[in-house]
Amino acid sequence: MTKSEFNSPHVHLQLVSQPRYLCGAREMILATMARFGFNDLACSQIALAVDEALANVICHGYKRQPTGMIWVSIWPLNEGDDASVGGARIMIEDEACQVEPEQIKGRDLEEIRPGGLGVHIIREVMDVVEYTKRDGCGMRLVLEKRLEGNQAGDNNSKCSDD
């Protein structure tokens, strides 16, 4: 991906830190990943990972304050020199509390209790998971998922260009 492609997302969503908007973000991720060629299972897994990341921003970053801003940007990962999509890059940015990236961990899996599995889910589903501090304030999470043979679907036929 070239620098100019990274600076110009193909899809960009801005939302406030309110849980009621997570369903819209999930639907957008599901539809976009289908258009990128992922099968239904992979689309659902990616949408779950993004949903967990957004919920963590709302819960831990903004401490449930409903006025924080969150930005989700999506780019296709292109294979080689052609324009075929080989996966997806998703970037989530906020202006919430900063934490050291190495401190972002899921709870111990041996501890049996509800919640606290979002980071584990994100790391299990995605091929690349990079947390960084943004300049000034907030955090940035870059997620990548490569389109592998067993994740490909025939989802591009759902929308006709005719």
C-alpha atoms as a PDB file:
ATOM      1  CA  MET A   1       0.000   0.000   0.000  1.00  0.00           C
ATOM      2  CA  THR A   2       1.429   3.352  -0.950  1.00  0.00           C
ATOM      3  CA  LYS A   3       1.669   6.277   1.452  1.00  0.00           C
ATOM      4  CA  SER A   4      -1.044   8.162  -0.460  1.00  0.00           C
ATOM      5  CA  GLU A   5      -3.404   5.175  -0.206  1.00  0.00           C
ATOM      6  CA  PHE A   6      -2.766   4.982   3.549  1.00  0.00           C
ATOM      7  CA  ASN A   7      -3.580   8.692   3.916  1.00  0.00           C
ATOM      8  CA  SER A   8      -6.824   8.430   1.946  1.00  0.00           C
ATOM      9  CA  PRO A   9      -9.075   5.740   3.376  1.00  0.00           C
ATOM     10  CA  HIS A  10     -11.572   4.123   1.044  1.00  0.00           C
ATOM     11  CA  VAL A  11     -14.145   4.150   3.862  1.00  0.00           C
ATOM     12  CA  HIS A  12     -14.218   6.535   6.813  1.00  0.00           C
ATOM     13  CA  LEU A  13     -16.683   6.492   9.712  1.00  0.00           C
ATOM     14  CA  GLN A  14     -16.886   8.998  12.545  1.00  0.00           C
ATOM     15  CA  LEU A  15     -18.984   8.277  15.619  1.00  0.00           C
ATOM     16  CA  VAL A  16     -19.386   9.470  19.169  1.00  0.00           C
ATOM     17  CA  SER A  17     -18.513   7.186  22.072  1.00  0.00           C
ATOM     18  CA  GLN A  18     -22.007   5.847  22.620  1.00  0.00           C
ATOM     19  CA  PRO A  19     -22.675   2.082  22.563  1.00  0.00           C
ATOM     20  CA  ARG A  20     -25.907   2.585  20.585  1.00  0.00           C
ATOM     21  CA  TYR A  21     -23.838   3.326  17.458  1.00  0.00           C
ATOM     22  CA  LEU A  22     -21.791   0.116  17.602  1.00  0.00           C
ATOM     23  CA  CYS A  23     -24.429  -1.783  15.598  1.00  0.00           C
ATOM     24  CA  GLY A  24     -24.023   0.643  12.678  1.00  0.00           C
ATOM     25  CA  ALA A  25     -20.244   0.248  12.760  1.00  0.00           C
ATOM     26  CA  ARG A  26     -20.618  -3.559  12.800  1.00  0.00           C
ATOM     27  CA  GLU A  27     -22.958  -3.477   9.796  1.00  0.00           C
ATOM     28  CA  MET A  28     -20.569  -1.226   7.880  1.00  0.00           C
ATOM     29  CA  ILE A  29     -17.628  -3.543   8.622  1.00  0.00           C
ATOM     30  CA  LEU A  30     -19.649  -6.632   7.626  1.00  0.00           C
ATOM     31  CA  ALA A  31     -20.714  -5.107   4.302  1.00  0.00           C
ATOM     32  CA  THR A  32     -17.275  -3.716   3.472  1.00  0.00           C
ATOM     33  CA  MET A  33     -15.441  -6.939   4.287  1.00  0.00           C
ATOM     34  CA  ALA A  34     -17.914  -8.849   2.083  1.00  0.00           C
ATOM     35  CA  ARG A  35     -17.123  -6.470  -0.780  1.00  0.00           C
ATOM     36  CA  PHE A  36     -13.405  -7.106  -0.145  1.00  0.00           C
ATOM     37  CA  GLY A  37     -14.087 -10.811  -0.770  1.00  0.00           C
ATOM     38  CA  PHE A  38     -14.177 -12.307   2.729  1.00  0.00           C
ATOM     39  CA  ASN A  39     -16.688 -15.102   3.351  1.00  0.00           C
ATOM     40  CA  ASP A  40     -19.505 -14.731   5.886  1.00  0.00           C
ATOM     41  CA  LEU A  41     -17.559 -16.299   8.771  1.00  0.00           C
ATOM     42  CA  ALA A  42     -14.490 -14.095   8.221  1.00  0.00           C
ATOM     43  CA  CYS A  43     -16.718 -11.001   7.870  1.00  0.00           C
ATOM     44  CA  SER A  44     -18.381 -11.803  11.194  1.00  0.00           C
ATOM     45  CA  GLN A  45     -15.049 -12.405  12.926  1.00  0.00           C
ATOM     46  CA  ILE A  46     -13.583  -9.117  11.663  1.00  0.00           C
ATOM     47  CA  ALA A  47     -16.753  -7.238  12.660  1.00  0.00           C
ATOM     48  CA  LEU A  48     -16.542  -8.805  16.145  1.00  0.00           C
ATOM     49  CA  ALA A  49     -12.886  -7.754  16.503  1.00  0.00           C
ATOM     50  CA  VAL A  50     -13.702  -4.159  15.492  1.00  0.00           C
ATOM     51  CA  ASP A  51     -16.750  -4.127  17.777  1.00  0.00           C
ATOM     52  CA  GLU A  52     -14.591  -5.261  20.712  1.00  0.00           C
ATOM     53  CA  ALA A  53     -12.011  -2.580  19.923  1.00  0.00           C
ATOM     54  CA  LEU A  54     -14.675   0.147  19.742  1.00  0.00           C
ATOM     55  CA  ALA A  55     -16.269  -1.061  22.985  1.00  0.00           C
ATOM     56  CA  ASN A  56     -12.847  -0.882  24.658  1.00  0.00           C
ATOM     57  CA  VAL A  57     -12.395   2.713  23.477  1.00  0.00           C
ATOM     58  CA  ILE A  58     -15.813   3.648  24.874  1.00  0.00           C
ATOM     59  CA  CYS A  59     -15.403   1.750  28.142  1.00  0.00           C
ATOM     60  CA  HIS A  60     -11.736   2.174  28.998  1.00  0.00           C
ATOM     61  CA  GLY A  61     -10.527   5.094  26.888  1.00  0.00           C
ATOM     62  CA  TYR A  62     -13.452   7.459  27.317  1.00  0.00           C
ATOM     63  CA  LYS A  63     -14.617   5.857  30.585  1.00  0.00           C
ATOM     64  CA  ARG A  64     -18.172   5.727  29.212  1.00  0.00           C
ATOM     65  CA  GLN A  65     -18.343   9.482  28.541  1.00  0.00           C
ATOM     66  CA  PRO A  66     -20.770   9.782  25.591  1.00  0.00           C
ATOM     67  CA  THR A  67     -19.150  12.763  23.840  1.00  0.00           C
ATOM     68  CA  GLY A  68     -15.767  11.378  22.766  1.00  0.00           C
ATOM     69  CA  MET A  69     -14.993  11.029  19.062  1.00  0.00           C
ATOM     70  CA  ILE A  70     -13.927   7.794  17.370  1.00  0.00           C
ATOM     71  CA  TRP A  71     -12.783   7.430  13.765  1.00  0.00           C
ATOM     72  CA  VAL A  72     -12.735   4.172  11.807  1.00  0.00           C
ATOM     73  CA  SER A  73     -10.880   4.089   8.483  1.00  0.00           C
ATOM     74  CA  ILE A  74     -10.665   1.179   6.055  1.00  0.00           C
ATOM     75  CA  TRP A  75      -8.340   0.425   3.148  1.00  0.00           C
ATOM     76  CA  PRO A  76      -8.080  -2.668   0.957  1.00  0.00           C
ATOM     77  CA  LEU A  77      -4.791  -4.526   1.038  1.00  0.00           C
ATOM     78  CA  ASN A  78      -3.885  -4.996  -2.613  1.00  0.00           C
ATOM     79  CA  GLU A  79      -2.004  -8.011  -3.882  1.00  0.00           C
ATOM     80  CA  GLY A  80       1.005  -7.269  -6.054  1.00  0.00           C
ATOM     81  CA  ASP A  81       0.724  -4.756  -8.858  1.00  0.00           C
ATOM     82  CA  ASP A  82      -2.893  -5.447  -9.734  1.00  0.00           C
ATOM     83  CA  ALA A  83      -5.956  -3.976  -8.088  1.00  0.00           C
ATOM     84  CA  SER A  84      -7.262  -7.233  -6.597  1.00  0.00           C
ATOM     85  CA  VAL A  85      -8.055  -7.053  -2.916  1.00  0.00           C
ATOM     86  CA  GLY A  86      -5.875  -9.236  -0.720  1.00  0.00           C
ATOM     87  CA  GLY A  87      -7.334  -8.232   2.618  1.00  0.00           C
ATOM     88  CA  ALA A  88      -8.171  -5.205   4.723  1.00  0.00           C
ATOM     89  CA  ARG A  89      -6.480  -2.600   6.912  1.00  0.00           C
ATOM     90  CA  ILE A  90      -8.709  -1.005   9.556  1.00  0.00           C
ATOM     91  CA  MET A  91      -7.552   1.900  11.691  1.00  0.00           C
ATOM     92  CA  ILE A  92      -9.410   3.043  14.809  1.00  0.00           C
ATOM     93  CA  GLU A  93      -8.420   6.384  16.321  1.00  0.00           C
ATOM     94  CA  ASP A  94      -9.674   8.324  19.319  1.00  0.00           C
ATOM     95  CA  GLU A  95      -8.845  11.253  21.569  1.00  0.00           C
ATOM     96  CA  ALA A  96      -9.316   9.282  24.784  1.00  0.00           C
ATOM     97  CA  CYS A  97      -6.884   8.538  27.601  1.00  0.00           C
ATOM     98  CA  GLN A  98      -3.499   7.335  26.441  1.00  0.00           C
ATOM     99  CA  VAL A  99      -1.971   4.140  27.762  1.00  0.00           C
ATOM    100  CA  GLU A 100       1.323   2.459  27.065  1.00  0.00           C
ATOM    101  CA  PRO A 101       0.666  -0.015  24.225  1.00  0.00           C
ATOM    102  CA  GLU A 102       2.434  -2.841  26.061  1.00  0.00           C
ATOM    103  CA  GLN A 103      -0.098  -2.456  28.909  1.00  0.00           C
ATOM    104  CA  ILE A 104      -3.009  -3.364  26.625  1.00  0.00           C
ATOM    105  CA  LYS A 105      -3.636  -6.997  27.471  1.00  0.00           C
ATOM    106  CA  GLY A 106      -6.587  -9.262  27.963  1.00  0.00           C
ATOM    107  CA  ARG A 107      -7.245 -10.777  31.337  1.00  0.00           C
ATOM    108  CA  ASP A 108      -5.740 -14.109  32.322  1.00  0.00           C
ATOM    109  CA  LEU A 109      -7.701 -16.803  30.484  1.00  0.00           C
ATOM    110  CA  GLU A 110      -7.495 -19.050  33.543  1.00  0.00           C
ATOM    111  CA  GLU A 111      -9.660 -16.549  35.434  1.00  0.00           C
ATOM    112  CA  ILE A 112     -13.255 -17.639  34.853  1.00  0.00           C
ATOM    113  CA  ARG A 113     -15.579 -14.629  34.801  1.00  0.00           C
ATOM    114  CA  PRO A 114     -17.574 -12.622  32.271  1.00  0.00           C
ATOM    115  CA  GLY A 115     -15.885  -9.929  30.216  1.00  0.00           C
ATOM    116  CA  GLY A 116     -12.307  -8.966  29.595  1.00  0.00           C
ATOM    117  CA  LEU A 117     -11.802 -11.072  26.463  1.00  0.00           C
ATOM    118  CA  GLY A 118     -11.900  -8.323  23.830  1.00  0.00           C
ATOM    119  CA  VAL A 119      -8.134  -7.990  23.417  1.00  0.00           C
ATOM    120  CA  HIS A 120      -7.807 -11.799  23.144  1.00  0.00           C
ATOM    121  CA  ILE A 121     -10.516 -11.873  20.468  1.00  0.00           C
ATOM    122  CA  ILE A 122      -8.903  -9.035  18.494  1.00  0.00           C
ATOM    123  CA  ARG A 123      -5.476 -10.702  18.558  1.00  0.00           C
ATOM    124  CA  GLU A 124      -6.925 -14.111  17.642  1.00  0.00           C
ATOM    125  CA  VAL A 125      -8.955 -12.849  14.678  1.00  0.00           C
ATOM    126  CA  MET A 126      -6.626 -10.300  13.095  1.00  0.00           C
ATOM    127  CA  ASP A 127      -3.223 -10.902  11.468  1.00  0.00           C
ATOM    128  CA  VAL A 128      -1.782  -7.528  12.544  1.00  0.00           C
ATOM    129  CA  VAL A 129      -2.708  -5.702  15.774  1.00  0.00           C
ATOM    130  CA  GLU A 130      -0.721  -2.524  16.503  1.00  0.00           C
ATOM    131  CA  TYR A 131      -1.614  -0.133  19.319  1.00  0.00           C
ATOM    132  CA  THR A 132       0.177   3.239  19.319  1.00  0.00           C
ATOM    133  CA  LYS A 133      -0.245   6.586  21.022  1.00  0.00           C
ATOM    134  CA  ARG A 134      -1.380   9.422  18.791  1.00  0.00           C
ATOM    135  CA  ASP A 135       0.532  12.697  18.883  1.00  0.00           C
ATOM    136  CA  GLY A 136      -0.957  14.881  21.605  1.00  0.00           C
ATOM    137  CA  CYS A 137      -3.841  12.722  22.767  1.00  0.00           C
ATOM    138  CA  GLY A 138      -5.626   9.491  22.115  1.00  0.00           C
ATOM    139  CA  MET A 139      -4.723   6.124  20.726  1.00  0.00           C
ATOM    140  CA  ARG A 140      -4.497   4.470  17.315  1.00  0.00           C
ATOM    141  CA  LEU A 141      -5.180   0.812  16.603  1.00  0.00           C
ATOM    142  CA  VAL A 142      -4.198  -0.615  13.223  1.00  0.00           C
ATOM    143  CA  LEU A 143      -5.689  -3.989  12.336  1.00  0.00           C
ATOM    144  CA  GLU A 144      -4.954  -6.035   9.242  1.00  0.00           C
ATOM    145  CA  LYS A 145      -6.534  -9.201   7.946  1.00  0.00           C
ATOM    146  CA  ARG A 146      -5.164 -10.955   4.883  1.00  0.00           C
ATOM    147  CA  LEU A 147      -7.615 -12.697   2.601  1.00  0.00           C
ATOM    148  CA  GLU A 148      -6.610 -16.362   2.659  1.00  0.00           C
ATOM    149  CA  GLY A 149      -8.102 -19.053   0.433  1.00  0.00           C
ATOM    150  CA  ASN A 150     -10.315 -20.526   3.159  1.00  0.00           C
ATOM    151  CA  GLN A 151     -11.696 -17.064   4.040  1.00  0.00           C
ATOM    152  CA  ALA A 152     -12.667 -16.064   0.523  1.00  0.00           C
ATOM    153  CA  GLY A 153     -16.277 -15.991  -0.431  1.00  0.00           C
ATOM    154  CA  ASP A 154     -18.315 -15.130  -3.473  1.00  0.00           C
ATOM    155  CA  ASN A 155     -19.674 -12.065  -1.760  1.00  0.00           C
ATOM    156  CA  ASN A 156     -18.887  -9.646  -4.598  1.00  0.00           C
ATOM    157  CA  SER A 157     -21.901 -10.956  -6.502  1.00  0.00           C
ATOM    158  CA  LYS A 158     -24.314  -9.446  -3.960  1.00  0.00           C
ATOM    159  CA  CYS A 159     -24.120  -6.094  -5.690  1.00  0.00           C
ATOM    160  CA  SER A 160     -24.430  -5.774  -9.438  1.00  0.00           C
ATOM    161  CA  ASP A 161     -22.748  -3.091 -11.494  1.00  0.00           C
ATOM    162  CA  ASP A 162     -25.250  -3.577 -14.333  1.00  0.00           C
END
